[in-house]
Amino acid sequence: MRIAVTIFLTDETITPTRLARELEERGFAGLYLPEHTHIPVERTTPYPAGGELPPEYGRTLDPFVALGQAAAVTGRLGLGTGITLVAQHDPIVLAKQVATLDHLSGGRFTLGVGLGWNVEEAADHGVRWSTRRALVRDRMALMRALWSREPVAHEGEFGSVRASHAFPKPVREPRGPVTGPRTLLGGAAGPTLFAHISEYADGWLPIGGRGLGEALPLLRTAWADAGRDPESLQVVPYAVHPTPGKLAHYADLGIEEVVAQLPPTGEAEVLKALDALADHL
């Protein structure tokens, strides 16, 4: 079982370079970073986990800048977003950022894609909440056009791009319908999500990892119905607190990678948390 980590890196936490070096030296599989551009003070959207929204949500570092620093000081560590709020980005610019980071890291990048939960944050980016799922799907298709080996145009419901020269390209070769870096789609289990995973992703990034025993057969059915290779499906439980029993359960389900949650704290506390996770490596 590969153990990666996620953390809300902020202006008050351990730095990306220090953490990345420690992770690689200790044998962790990867570093995934979340994204929030801002948190509006006047917010009616409830925090999904309940209670008050933790302050680190409004202090997160830009994940692409932070992961670029991490890439520069490591040679093997996987690098990913958990998740990128695709609806809040210009897809042409995002395609360039993703391809550049993947190229400079030697193909180590995983694009975690999410739909978001903060209505007010998305609204400031011009996102209409009821159409965000279709918007993300369309923007992913536009980015795949730019990542294609030959110039391909995209004309979608929410945007278009002419057939273009766009380099660098992501390192991985196209696989089935997927072009670009390793791509994992986050979100709650359901037929629409599973259809979209099967259409344009390499797998699922479920937060917390609960209910996988019931959900995985449904995802595998959708995957097979889309003509995807059963052996290629990747499921990566995200932001979990590993225990031997939980990891054994995941292994029984065929899961090969887990992303553990680190505290959004300073260097000493983060390194202590890594020491505690070391038993699972």
Protein backbone atom coordinates (compact mmCIF):
# COMPACT_ATOMS: atom_id res chain seq x y z
CA MET A 1 0.00 0.00 0.00
CA ARG A 2 1.44 3.36 -1.05
CA ILE A 3 0.94 6.09 1.54
CA ALA A 4 0.77 9.69 0.33
CA VAL A 5 -0.23 12.73 2.38
CA THR A 6 -2.32 15.85 2.07
CA ILE A 7 -2.07 19.05 4.06
CA PHE A 8 -3.42 22.58 4.01
CA LEU A 9 -0.13 24.36 3.41
CA THR A 10 -0.49 28.01 4.43
CA ASP A 11 1.63 31.03 5.27
CA GLU A 12 1.76 29.67 8.84
CA THR A 13 2.71 26.00 8.26
CA ILE A 14 5.76 24.00 7.34
CA THR A 15 7.09 25.08 3.94
CA PRO A 16 6.54 23.06 0.73
CA THR A 17 10.26 22.44 0.22
CA ARG A 18 10.89 21.25 3.79
CA LEU A 19 7.88 18.95 3.74
CA ALA A 20 8.63 17.54 0.27
CA ARG A 21 12.20 16.66 1.21
CA GLU A 22 11.06 14.95 4.41
CA LEU A 23 8.39 12.97 2.57
CA GLU A 24 10.79 11.69 -0.06
CA GLU A 25 13.51 10.83 2.47
CA ARG A 26 10.99 8.89 4.58
CA GLY A 27 9.57 6.92 1.65
CA PHE A 28 6.11 8.46 1.31
CA ALA A 29 4.48 8.10 -2.10
CA GLY A 30 3.25 11.62 -2.71
CA LEU A 31 2.06 15.05 -1.63
CA TYR A 32 -1.43 16.30 -2.55
CA LEU A 33 -2.49 19.90 -1.94
CA PRO A 34 -5.98 21.44 -1.78
CA GLU A 35 -7.12 24.66 -3.41
CA HIS A 36 -9.16 27.65 -2.29
CA THR A 37 -8.54 31.02 -3.92
CA HIS A 38 -10.41 32.90 -1.16
CA ILE A 39 -13.19 32.40 1.39
CA PRO A 40 -15.85 35.14 1.33
CA VAL A 41 -16.57 36.45 4.82
CA GLU A 42 -20.30 36.63 4.10
CA ARG A 43 -20.90 32.95 3.54
CA THR A 44 -24.12 30.97 3.77
CA THR A 45 -22.70 27.67 2.51
CA PRO A 46 -22.22 25.32 5.50
CA TYR A 47 -18.86 23.68 6.07
CA PRO A 48 -19.32 20.07 4.82
CA ALA A 49 -17.67 18.58 7.92
CA GLY A 50 -19.92 20.59 10.23
CA GLY A 51 -19.16 23.36 12.69
CA GLU A 52 -17.02 26.41 12.00
CA LEU A 53 -14.84 26.54 8.91
CA PRO A 54 -11.20 26.08 9.98
CA PRO A 55 -9.05 29.17 9.36
CA GLU A 56 -6.59 27.35 7.08
CA TYR A 57 -9.20 27.32 4.31
CA GLY A 58 -8.69 31.04 3.83
CA ARG A 59 -4.89 30.84 4.03
CA THR A 60 -4.03 28.06 1.56
CA LEU A 61 -1.03 28.47 -0.69
CA ASP A 62 -1.59 28.24 -4.42
CA PRO A 63 -1.16 24.50 -5.04
CA PHE A 64 0.63 24.82 -8.38
CA VAL A 65 3.23 27.24 -7.04
CA ALA A 66 3.76 25.12 -3.92
CA LEU A 67 3.98 21.87 -5.89
CA GLY A 68 6.44 23.50 -8.27
CA GLN A 69 8.69 24.17 -5.30
CA ALA A 70 8.22 20.58 -4.11
CA ALA A 71 9.07 19.24 -7.57
CA ALA A 72 12.31 21.23 -7.65
CA VAL A 73 13.70 19.63 -4.47
CA THR A 74 12.61 16.01 -5.08
CA GLY A 75 13.13 13.36 -7.73
CA ARG A 76 10.64 10.58 -6.95
CA LEU A 77 7.83 12.05 -4.84
CA GLY A 78 4.40 12.06 -6.48
CA LEU A 79 2.77 15.50 -6.68
CA GLY A 80 -0.95 16.11 -6.87
CA THR A 81 -3.88 18.40 -6.26
CA GLY A 82 -6.60 17.36 -3.92
CA ILE A 83 -8.41 18.97 -5.48
CA THR A 84 -8.24 21.52 -8.31
CA LEU A 85 -11.42 23.57 -8.58
CA VAL A 86 -11.54 23.35 -12.37
CA ALA A 87 -14.71 25.45 -12.65
CA GLN A 88 -12.84 28.39 -11.11
CA HIS A 89 -10.04 28.41 -13.70
CA ASP A 90 -9.58 29.61 -17.25
CA PRO A 91 -9.13 26.17 -18.86
CA ILE A 92 -6.53 27.31 -21.41
CA VAL A 93 -4.34 28.74 -18.65
CA LEU A 94 -4.96 25.73 -16.40
CA ALA A 95 -4.00 23.33 -19.19
CA LYS A 96 -0.68 25.16 -19.50
CA GLN A 97 -0.06 25.10 -15.72
CA VAL A 98 -0.83 21.39 -15.47
CA ALA A 99 1.29 20.42 -18.47
CA THR A 100 4.21 22.57 -17.30
CA LEU A 101 4.24 21.09 -13.79
CA ASP A 102 3.92 17.56 -15.16
CA HIS A 103 6.74 18.19 -17.65
CA LEU A 104 9.11 19.76 -15.13
CA SER A 105 8.47 17.00 -12.57
CA GLY A 106 9.07 14.21 -15.09
CA GLY A 107 5.46 13.03 -15.17
CA ARG A 108 4.94 12.91 -11.41
CA PHE A 109 1.79 15.05 -11.35
CA THR A 110 -1.73 13.83 -10.51
CA LEU A 111 -4.61 16.18 -11.33
CA GLY A 112 -7.27 15.75 -8.69
CA VAL A 113 -10.47 17.30 -10.05
CA GLY A 114 -13.29 18.54 -7.83
CA LEU A 115 -16.62 20.31 -8.19
CA GLY A 116 -16.26 22.40 -5.03
CA TRP A 117 -18.61 23.02 -2.13
CA ASN A 118 -18.39 26.77 -1.42
CA VAL A 119 -21.12 28.47 -3.44
CA GLU A 120 -19.92 31.99 -2.65
CA GLU A 121 -16.32 31.30 -3.63
CA ALA A 122 -17.43 29.81 -6.94
CA ALA A 123 -19.85 32.68 -7.60
CA ASP A 124 -17.00 35.20 -7.37
CA HIS A 125 -15.40 33.28 -10.23
CA GLY A 126 -18.59 33.61 -12.29
CA VAL A 127 -19.66 29.98 -11.75
CA ARG A 128 -23.38 29.25 -11.86
CA TRP A 129 -23.75 26.53 -9.22
CA SER A 130 -26.41 24.47 -10.97
CA THR A 131 -24.24 24.00 -14.06
CA ARG A 132 -20.84 23.49 -12.42
CA ARG A 133 -20.72 19.74 -13.10
CA ALA A 134 -21.33 20.27 -16.82
CA LEU A 135 -18.87 23.18 -16.77
CA VAL A 136 -16.09 21.02 -15.28
CA ARG A 137 -16.78 18.26 -17.80
CA ASP A 138 -16.58 20.74 -20.69
CA ARG A 139 -13.39 22.37 -19.40
CA MET A 140 -11.74 18.99 -19.00
CA ALA A 141 -12.57 18.23 -22.64
CA LEU A 142 -11.09 21.56 -23.72
CA MET A 143 -7.88 20.84 -21.80
CA ARG A 144 -7.63 17.38 -23.36
CA ALA A 145 -7.74 19.04 -26.77
CA LEU A 146 -4.75 21.20 -25.83
CA TRP A 147 -2.90 18.19 -24.40
CA SER A 148 -3.46 16.10 -27.55
CA ARG A 149 -0.37 15.10 -29.53
CA GLU A 150 -1.76 16.77 -32.65
CA PRO A 151 -3.66 20.09 -32.78
CA VAL A 152 -7.34 19.48 -32.01
CA ALA A 153 -10.15 22.03 -31.72
CA HIS A 154 -12.82 21.96 -29.03
CA GLU A 155 -16.24 23.57 -29.32
CA GLY A 156 -18.19 23.13 -26.11
CA GLU A 157 -21.23 24.45 -24.29
CA PHE A 158 -19.11 26.68 -22.04
CA GLY A 159 -16.00 27.39 -24.08
CA SER A 160 -13.98 26.67 -27.17
CA VAL A 161 -10.41 26.61 -28.40
CA ARG A 162 -9.06 26.50 -31.91
CA ALA A 163 -6.74 23.70 -32.99
CA SER A 164 -3.51 24.98 -31.48
CA HIS A 165 0.16 24.38 -30.88
CA ALA A 166 0.37 23.99 -27.11
CA PHE A 167 3.52 22.71 -25.46
CA PRO A 168 4.78 21.17 -23.26
CA LYS A 169 2.59 18.10 -23.35
CA PRO A 170 1.86 15.99 -20.27
CA VAL A 171 4.29 13.09 -20.00
CA ARG A 172 1.85 10.18 -19.93
CA GLU A 173 0.64 8.64 -23.15
CA PRO A 174 -3.10 8.76 -23.85
CA ARG A 175 -4.99 5.80 -22.36
CA GLY A 176 -8.48 5.03 -23.55
CA PRO A 177 -10.45 8.28 -23.58
CA VAL A 178 -8.02 10.02 -21.20
CA THR A 179 -5.33 12.40 -22.41
CA GLY A 180 -3.13 14.27 -19.95
CA PRO A 181 -1.65 13.59 -16.54
CA ARG A 182 -2.99 10.99 -14.17
CA THR A 183 -6.49 12.32 -13.45
CA LEU A 184 -8.66 11.45 -10.46
CA LEU A 185 -12.16 12.85 -9.99
CA GLY A 186 -13.45 13.60 -6.51
CA GLY A 187 -17.03 13.70 -5.31
CA ALA A 188 -19.77 11.72 -3.62
CA ALA A 189 -20.69 8.30 -4.98
CA GLY A 190 -23.45 8.28 -7.54
CA PRO A 191 -24.27 7.33 -11.14
CA THR A 192 -23.47 10.75 -12.63
CA LEU A 193 -20.09 10.98 -10.93
CA PHE A 194 -19.23 7.41 -11.88
CA ALA A 195 -20.21 8.06 -15.51
CA HIS A 196 -17.91 11.10 -15.61
CA ILE A 197 -15.04 9.19 -13.99
CA SER A 198 -15.43 6.53 -16.65
CA GLU A 199 -15.55 9.17 -19.37
CA TYR A 200 -12.52 11.34 -18.62
CA ALA A 201 -10.55 10.17 -15.58
CA ASP A 202 -8.24 7.42 -14.42
CA GLY A 203 -10.20 6.89 -11.24
CA TRP A 204 -11.89 8.20 -8.12
CA LEU A 205 -10.61 10.32 -5.22
CA PRO A 206 -13.22 9.70 -2.47
CA ILE A 207 -12.83 11.88 0.63
CA GLY A 208 -12.65 9.86 3.83
CA GLY A 209 -13.02 6.49 2.15
CA ARG A 210 -16.30 5.54 3.84
CA GLY A 211 -18.76 3.26 2.09
CA LEU A 212 -16.29 2.03 -0.51
CA GLY A 213 -17.43 -1.58 -0.17
CA GLU A 214 -20.88 -0.61 -1.42
CA ALA A 215 -19.80 2.02 -3.95
CA LEU A 216 -16.97 0.23 -5.75
CA PRO A 217 -19.13 -2.41 -7.49
CA LEU A 218 -21.26 0.40 -8.95
CA LEU A 219 -18.19 2.28 -10.15
CA ARG A 220 -16.70 -0.86 -11.66
CA THR A 221 -19.95 -1.53 -13.52
CA ALA A 222 -19.99 2.01 -14.94
CA TRP A 223 -16.32 1.64 -15.85
CA ALA A 224 -16.94 -1.63 -17.68
CA ASP A 225 -20.02 -0.23 -19.44
CA ALA A 226 -17.81 2.59 -20.79
CA GLY A 227 -15.43 -0.01 -22.27
CA ARG A 228 -12.58 0.83 -19.90
CA ASP A 229 -9.94 -1.72 -18.92
CA PRO A 230 -10.99 -3.16 -15.52
CA GLU A 231 -7.36 -3.38 -14.41
CA SER A 232 -6.74 0.32 -15.03
CA LEU A 233 -9.31 1.74 -12.58
CA GLN A 234 -7.63 3.59 -9.68
CA VAL A 235 -9.39 4.42 -6.42
CA VAL A 236 -7.45 6.55 -3.93
CA PRO A 237 -9.13 7.23 -0.55
CA TYR A 238 -8.30 10.80 0.37
CA ALA A 239 -7.74 12.68 3.66
CA VAL A 240 -7.95 9.51 5.74
CA HIS A 241 -6.52 8.70 9.16
CA PRO A 242 -4.93 5.29 8.55
CA THR A 243 -5.17 2.35 10.92
CA PRO A 244 -3.94 -1.19 10.25
CA GLY A 245 -7.52 -2.40 10.00
CA LYS A 246 -8.55 0.35 7.61
CA LEU A 247 -5.55 -0.26 5.35
CA ALA A 248 -6.22 -4.00 5.33
CA HIS A 249 -9.83 -3.29 4.30
CA TYR A 250 -8.65 -1.07 1.47
CA ALA A 251 -6.19 -3.73 0.33
CA ASP A 252 -8.99 -6.30 0.24
CA LEU A 253 -10.87 -3.92 -2.08
CA GLY A 254 -7.90 -3.76 -4.45
CA ILE A 255 -6.84 -0.26 -3.45
CA GLU A 256 -3.11 0.44 -3.81
CA GLU A 257 -2.75 4.05 -2.62
CA VAL A 258 -4.13 6.02 0.32
CA VAL A 259 -3.73 9.74 1.07
CA ALA A 260 -3.37 10.47 4.78
CA GLN A 261 -4.31 13.80 6.35
CA LEU A 262 -1.60 15.89 8.03
CA PRO A 263 -2.34 18.74 10.46
CA PRO A 264 -2.00 22.30 9.06
CA THR A 265 0.69 23.21 11.55
CA GLY A 266 4.32 24.17 11.90
CA GLU A 267 7.33 22.02 11.17
CA ALA A 268 7.67 20.28 14.54
CA GLU A 269 4.07 19.05 14.67
CA VAL A 270 4.03 17.96 11.03
CA LEU A 271 7.23 15.95 11.42
CA LYS A 272 5.79 14.33 14.54
CA ALA A 273 2.72 13.34 12.51
CA LEU A 274 4.98 11.85 9.83
CA ASP A 275 6.73 9.81 12.51
CA ALA A 276 3.34 8.43 13.56
CA LEU A 277 2.47 7.54 9.95
CA ALA A 278 5.78 5.78 9.40
CA ASP A 279 4.45 2.54 10.88
CA HIS A 280 2.13 2.23 7.88
CA LEU A 281 4.85 2.52 5.22
